[in-house]
Amino acid sequence: ILNHICPFIDDNHRLYRDLCETNTGKVKKNLSIFQRPKKDLILIDDNIAAIENNPQNAIRIRRWRSNKNDKFLTCWLPPILEKCANADDVRTIISKVSLQRTRFPHGLPLPQPHI
């Protein structure tokens, strides 16, 4: 998925499951592994436990369930990422994403991001 929506992000700047904390039985992502300012980091995940360590940097998305009509990542997310790319602090954009912690039932029209 990342190769499709963000092909310019190399593997050294992606946080895969093998680099996550799992000591509580839940997968948790910790952005400090990148050793970069958090104002420049975005975490996109459908798992609320994964984003607990960095909620100000997290955009929570809905889980994909093999629905070929689901365009959430290709239609809803790119405008948000474009605004983040031009922001001094991505957290200011992420905080304005009013739907960031909501899961949307499949089959419903995509909500428009309000940023």
N, C-alpha and C. Protein backbone atom coordinates (compact mmCIF):
# COMPACT_ATOMS: atom_id res chain seq x y z
N ILE A 1 0.84 -1.19 0.00
CA ILE A 1 0.00 0.00 0.00
C ILE A 1 0.88 1.25 0.00
N LEU A 2 1.90 1.24 0.84
CA LEU A 2 2.80 2.40 0.89
C LEU A 2 3.47 2.64 -0.45
N ASN A 3 3.82 1.59 -1.14
CA ASN A 3 4.46 1.74 -2.45
C ASN A 3 3.53 2.45 -3.44
N HIS A 4 2.24 2.29 -3.24
CA HIS A 4 1.27 2.91 -4.15
C HIS A 4 1.00 4.37 -3.79
N ILE A 5 0.75 4.65 -2.50
CA ILE A 5 0.37 6.03 -2.14
C ILE A 5 1.56 6.92 -1.80
N CYS A 6 2.67 6.32 -1.38
CA CYS A 6 3.88 7.10 -1.02
C CYS A 6 5.14 6.38 -1.50
N PRO A 7 5.31 6.21 -2.79
CA PRO A 7 6.46 5.45 -3.28
C PRO A 7 7.80 6.09 -2.96
N PHE A 8 7.81 7.36 -2.66
CA PHE A 8 9.05 8.07 -2.38
C PHE A 8 9.58 7.82 -0.96
N ILE A 9 8.79 7.18 -0.10
CA ILE A 9 9.24 6.88 1.26
C ILE A 9 10.01 5.56 1.22
N ASP A 10 11.29 5.63 1.56
CA ASP A 10 12.11 4.42 1.50
C ASP A 10 11.91 3.56 2.76
N ASP A 11 12.42 2.34 2.72
CA ASP A 11 12.23 1.39 3.81
C ASP A 11 12.79 1.88 5.14
N ASN A 12 13.79 2.73 5.12
CA ASN A 12 14.36 3.24 6.37
C ASN A 12 13.44 4.23 7.08
N HIS A 13 12.39 4.65 6.41
CA HIS A 13 11.45 5.60 6.98
C HIS A 13 10.04 5.02 7.11
N ARG A 14 9.98 3.69 7.15
CA ARG A 14 8.72 2.99 7.34
C ARG A 14 8.81 2.16 8.61
N LEU A 15 7.74 2.12 9.36
CA LEU A 15 7.72 1.41 10.63
C LEU A 15 6.88 0.15 10.47
N TYR A 16 7.56 -0.97 10.25
CA TYR A 16 6.87 -2.25 10.08
C TYR A 16 6.73 -2.96 11.42
N ARG A 17 5.89 -3.95 11.45
CA ARG A 17 5.56 -4.68 12.67
C ARG A 17 6.79 -5.20 13.42
N ASP A 18 7.83 -5.62 12.70
CA ASP A 18 9.00 -6.18 13.36
C ASP A 18 9.78 -5.14 14.17
N LEU A 19 9.51 -3.86 13.97
CA LEU A 19 10.16 -2.80 14.74
C LEU A 19 9.24 -2.20 15.80
N CYS A 20 8.09 -2.82 16.01
CA CYS A 20 7.12 -2.29 16.96
C CYS A 20 7.28 -2.93 18.33
N GLU A 21 6.76 -2.25 19.34
CA GLU A 21 6.73 -2.78 20.69
C GLU A 21 5.57 -3.76 20.81
N THR A 22 5.84 -4.92 21.36
CA THR A 22 4.78 -5.92 21.52
C THR A 22 4.78 -6.53 22.92
N ASN A 23 5.44 -5.88 23.87
CA ASN A 23 5.57 -6.45 25.21
C ASN A 23 4.25 -6.54 25.97
N THR A 24 3.23 -5.86 25.57
CA THR A 24 1.93 -5.91 26.24
C THR A 24 0.95 -6.83 25.51
N GLY A 25 1.42 -7.48 24.46
CA GLY A 25 0.54 -8.32 23.66
C GLY A 25 -0.14 -7.54 22.55
N LYS A 26 0.01 -6.23 22.56
CA LYS A 26 -0.54 -5.36 21.52
C LYS A 26 0.61 -4.75 20.75
N VAL A 27 0.40 -4.56 19.46
CA VAL A 27 1.41 -3.91 18.64
C VAL A 27 1.31 -2.41 18.86
N LYS A 28 2.42 -1.80 19.31
CA LYS A 28 2.46 -0.36 19.50
C LYS A 28 3.63 0.21 18.73
N LYS A 29 3.38 1.29 18.02
CA LYS A 29 4.41 1.93 17.22
C LYS A 29 4.98 3.12 17.98
N ASN A 30 6.29 3.23 17.99
CA ASN A 30 6.96 4.31 18.68
C ASN A 30 7.80 5.08 17.67
N LEU A 31 7.41 6.30 17.39
CA LEU A 31 8.09 7.09 16.38
C LEU A 31 9.49 7.53 16.78
N SER A 32 9.85 7.40 18.03
CA SER A 32 11.19 7.82 18.45
C SER A 32 12.28 6.98 17.79
N ILE A 33 11.94 5.84 17.25
CA ILE A 33 12.90 5.00 16.55
C ILE A 33 13.56 5.72 15.37
N PHE A 34 12.85 6.70 14.81
CA PHE A 34 13.37 7.43 13.66
C PHE A 34 14.37 8.53 14.03
N GLN A 35 14.40 8.92 15.29
CA GLN A 35 15.31 9.96 15.77
C GLN A 35 15.21 11.24 14.92
N ARG A 36 13.97 11.62 14.68
CA ARG A 36 13.67 12.84 13.93
C ARG A 36 12.63 13.63 14.71
N PRO A 37 12.52 14.92 14.46
CA PRO A 37 11.49 15.71 15.15
C PRO A 37 10.09 15.18 14.85
N LYS A 38 9.27 15.08 15.88
CA LYS A 38 7.91 14.58 15.67
C LYS A 38 7.07 15.50 14.80
N LYS A 39 7.49 16.74 14.66
CA LYS A 39 6.75 17.66 13.80
C LYS A 39 6.80 17.24 12.33
N ASP A 40 7.72 16.32 12.02
CA ASP A 40 7.90 15.85 10.64
C ASP A 40 7.42 14.42 10.41
N LEU A 41 6.82 13.79 11.41
CA LEU A 41 6.46 12.37 11.32
C LEU A 41 4.95 12.16 11.33
N ILE A 42 4.50 11.27 10.45
CA ILE A 42 3.09 10.92 10.34
C ILE A 42 2.96 9.41 10.53
N LEU A 43 2.01 9.01 11.36
CA LEU A 43 1.71 7.61 11.59
C LEU A 43 0.30 7.35 11.10
N ILE A 44 0.17 6.42 10.17
CA ILE A 44 -1.14 6.08 9.61
C ILE A 44 -1.40 4.61 9.93
N ASP A 45 -2.50 4.34 10.63
CA ASP A 45 -2.77 2.96 11.02
C ASP A 45 -4.25 2.79 11.28
N ASP A 46 -4.72 1.54 11.18
CA ASP A 46 -6.11 1.23 11.50
C ASP A 46 -6.25 0.63 12.90
N ASN A 47 -5.14 0.44 13.59
CA ASN A 47 -5.13 -0.18 14.90
C ASN A 47 -4.92 0.89 15.97
N ILE A 48 -5.91 1.08 16.82
CA ILE A 48 -5.83 2.13 17.84
C ILE A 48 -4.68 1.88 18.83
N ALA A 49 -4.40 0.63 19.14
CA ALA A 49 -3.30 0.32 20.05
C ALA A 49 -1.97 0.74 19.45
N ALA A 50 -1.82 0.62 18.14
CA ALA A 50 -0.57 0.96 17.47
C ALA A 50 -0.26 2.45 17.56
N ILE A 51 -1.27 3.27 17.66
CA ILE A 51 -1.05 4.72 17.65
C ILE A 51 -1.06 5.35 19.04
N GLU A 52 -1.24 4.55 20.08
CA GLU A 52 -1.34 5.07 21.44
C GLU A 52 -0.13 5.90 21.87
N ASN A 53 1.05 5.54 21.44
CA ASN A 53 2.27 6.25 21.86
C ASN A 53 2.42 7.61 21.19
N ASN A 54 1.76 7.82 20.08
CA ASN A 54 1.94 9.05 19.30
C ASN A 54 0.63 9.56 18.72
N PRO A 55 -0.37 9.83 19.54
CA PRO A 55 -1.67 10.23 19.00
C PRO A 55 -1.66 11.54 18.22
N GLN A 56 -0.77 12.47 18.56
CA GLN A 56 -0.73 13.75 17.85
C GLN A 56 -0.18 13.59 16.43
N ASN A 57 0.50 12.51 16.18
CA ASN A 57 1.08 12.27 14.86
C ASN A 57 0.28 11.25 14.06
N ALA A 58 -0.81 10.77 14.61
CA ALA A 58 -1.52 9.63 14.02
C ALA A 58 -2.80 10.02 13.28
N ILE A 59 -2.94 9.42 12.14
CA ILE A 59 -4.19 9.48 11.38
C ILE A 59 -4.73 8.06 11.40
N ARG A 60 -5.85 7.88 12.08
CA ARG A 60 -6.45 6.55 12.15
C ARG A 60 -7.35 6.36 10.95
N ILE A 61 -7.13 5.26 10.27
CA ILE A 61 -7.91 4.95 9.08
C ILE A 61 -8.76 3.71 9.34
N ARG A 62 -9.67 3.45 8.45
CA ARG A 62 -10.48 2.25 8.58
C ARG A 62 -9.73 1.05 8.03
N ARG A 63 -10.06 -0.09 8.54
CA ARG A 63 -9.45 -1.34 8.10
C ARG A 63 -9.95 -1.72 6.71
N TRP A 64 -9.04 -2.17 5.87
CA TRP A 64 -9.42 -2.60 4.53
C TRP A 64 -9.87 -4.04 4.58
N ARG A 65 -10.97 -4.33 3.96
CA ARG A 65 -11.54 -5.67 3.99
C ARG A 65 -11.77 -6.23 2.58
N SER A 66 -10.79 -6.04 1.74
CA SER A 66 -10.81 -6.59 0.38
C SER A 66 -11.93 -6.05 -0.49
N ASN A 67 -12.45 -4.89 -0.17
CA ASN A 67 -13.50 -4.27 -0.96
C ASN A 67 -12.85 -3.49 -2.10
N LYS A 68 -13.06 -3.94 -3.33
CA LYS A 68 -12.43 -3.31 -4.49
C LYS A 68 -12.91 -1.88 -4.70
N ASN A 69 -14.05 -1.53 -4.14
CA ASN A 69 -14.59 -0.17 -4.28
C ASN A 69 -14.08 0.78 -3.20
N ASP A 70 -13.32 0.26 -2.26
CA ASP A 70 -12.81 1.08 -1.17
C ASP A 70 -11.68 1.96 -1.71
N LYS A 71 -11.89 3.24 -1.74
CA LYS A 71 -10.91 4.21 -2.25
C LYS A 71 -10.41 5.13 -1.14
N PHE A 72 -10.57 4.70 0.09
CA PHE A 72 -10.22 5.52 1.24
C PHE A 72 -8.77 6.00 1.18
N LEU A 73 -7.85 5.08 0.98
CA LEU A 73 -6.43 5.45 0.97
C LEU A 73 -6.03 6.21 -0.29
N THR A 74 -6.70 5.98 -1.37
CA THR A 74 -6.31 6.64 -2.62
C THR A 74 -7.07 7.94 -2.86
N CYS A 75 -8.20 8.16 -2.20
CA CYS A 75 -8.98 9.39 -2.41
C CYS A 75 -9.02 10.29 -1.18
N TRP A 76 -9.26 9.74 -0.01
CA TRP A 76 -9.41 10.54 1.20
C TRP A 76 -8.07 10.97 1.77
N LEU A 77 -7.11 10.08 1.80
CA LEU A 77 -5.84 10.35 2.47
C LEU A 77 -4.88 11.27 1.70
N PRO A 78 -4.71 11.15 0.40
CA PRO A 78 -3.72 11.99 -0.30
C PRO A 78 -3.84 13.50 -0.09
N PRO A 79 -5.03 14.09 -0.08
CA PRO A 79 -5.09 15.54 0.17
C PRO A 79 -4.56 15.91 1.56
N ILE A 80 -4.76 15.04 2.53
CA ILE A 80 -4.25 15.29 3.87
C ILE A 80 -2.73 15.23 3.86
N LEU A 81 -2.19 14.23 3.19
CA LEU A 81 -0.73 14.08 3.13
C LEU A 81 -0.09 15.25 2.37
N GLU A 82 -0.76 15.76 1.35
CA GLU A 82 -0.24 16.92 0.62
C GLU A 82 -0.15 18.13 1.53
N LYS A 83 -1.19 18.34 2.34
CA LYS A 83 -1.15 19.47 3.28
C LYS A 83 -0.05 19.27 4.32
N CYS A 84 0.14 18.05 4.77
CA CYS A 84 1.21 17.76 5.72
C CYS A 84 2.58 18.04 5.11
N ALA A 85 2.74 17.72 3.84
CA ALA A 85 4.03 17.93 3.17
C ALA A 85 4.40 19.41 3.12
N ASN A 86 3.42 20.28 3.12
CA ASN A 86 3.66 21.72 3.05
C ASN A 86 3.60 22.42 4.40
N ALA A 87 3.37 21.65 5.46
CA ALA A 87 3.21 22.25 6.80
C ALA A 87 4.54 22.31 7.54
N ASP A 88 4.67 23.30 8.39
CA ASP A 88 5.84 23.38 9.26
C ASP A 88 5.80 22.29 10.32
N ASP A 89 4.57 21.90 10.71
CA ASP A 89 4.38 20.88 11.73
C ASP A 89 3.17 20.04 11.31
N VAL A 90 3.41 18.78 10.97
CA VAL A 90 2.32 17.92 10.49
C VAL A 90 1.22 17.76 11.52
N ARG A 91 1.55 17.93 12.79
CA ARG A 91 0.55 17.76 13.84
C ARG A 91 -0.56 18.79 13.77
N THR A 92 -0.27 19.97 13.22
CA THR A 92 -1.33 20.98 13.08
C THR A 92 -2.36 20.54 12.05
N ILE A 93 -1.91 19.88 11.01
CA ILE A 93 -2.84 19.36 9.99
C ILE A 93 -3.59 18.16 10.54
N ILE A 94 -2.87 17.24 11.16
CA ILE A 94 -3.49 16.03 11.69
C ILE A 94 -4.57 16.37 12.71
N SER A 95 -4.34 17.38 13.53
CA SER A 95 -5.33 17.75 14.55
C SER A 95 -6.62 18.26 13.92
N LYS A 96 -6.56 18.72 12.69
CA LYS A 96 -7.74 19.24 12.01
C LYS A 96 -8.52 18.18 11.24
N VAL A 97 -7.96 17.00 11.16
CA VAL A 97 -8.65 15.92 10.45
C VAL A 97 -9.75 15.42 11.36
N SER A 98 -10.94 15.93 11.16
CA SER A 98 -12.04 15.67 12.09
C SER A 98 -12.46 14.21 12.12
N LEU A 99 -12.12 13.45 11.11
CA LEU A 99 -12.58 12.06 11.05
C LEU A 99 -11.46 11.07 11.34
N GLN A 100 -10.37 11.53 11.90
CA GLN A 100 -9.18 10.70 12.02
C GLN A 100 -9.34 9.48 12.93
N ARG A 101 -10.21 9.47 13.87
CA ARG A 101 -10.33 8.33 14.76
C ARG A 101 -11.63 7.57 14.56
N THR A 102 -12.23 7.72 13.42
CA THR A 102 -13.51 7.07 13.15
C THR A 102 -13.34 6.01 12.08
N ARG A 103 -13.96 4.89 12.28
CA ARG A 103 -13.98 3.86 11.25
C ARG A 103 -15.28 4.02 10.47
N PHE A 104 -15.19 3.88 9.18
CA PHE A 104 -16.36 4.06 8.34
C PHE A 104 -16.81 2.73 7.79
N PRO A 105 -18.10 2.43 7.85
CA PRO A 105 -18.58 1.19 7.26
C PRO A 105 -18.31 1.18 5.76
N HIS A 106 -17.92 0.04 5.26
CA HIS A 106 -17.67 -0.07 3.82
C HIS A 106 -18.98 0.05 3.07
N GLY A 107 -18.90 0.60 1.90
CA GLY A 107 -20.08 0.77 1.08
C GLY A 107 -20.66 2.18 1.19
N LEU A 108 -20.29 2.92 2.23
CA LEU A 108 -20.77 4.29 2.37
C LEU A 108 -19.88 5.22 1.57
N PRO A 109 -20.40 6.35 1.13
CA PRO A 109 -19.55 7.31 0.42
C PRO A 109 -18.40 7.77 1.30
N LEU A 110 -17.30 8.09 0.68
CA LEU A 110 -16.14 8.56 1.43
C LEU A 110 -16.42 9.94 2.01
N PRO A 111 -16.07 10.14 3.26
CA PRO A 111 -16.22 11.47 3.84
C PRO A 111 -15.15 12.39 3.27
N GLN A 112 -15.46 13.66 3.21
CA GLN A 112 -14.47 14.64 2.78
C GLN A 112 -13.65 15.06 3.98
N PRO A 113 -12.32 15.07 3.86
CA PRO A 113 -11.52 15.52 5.00
C PRO A 113 -11.75 16.99 5.25
N HIS A 114 -11.89 17.36 6.51
CA HIS A 114 -12.10 18.75 6.89
C HIS A 114 -10.83 19.26 7.54
N ILE A 115 -9.97 19.85 6.72
CA ILE A 115 -8.70 20.34 7.24
C ILE A 115 -8.48 21.77 6.84
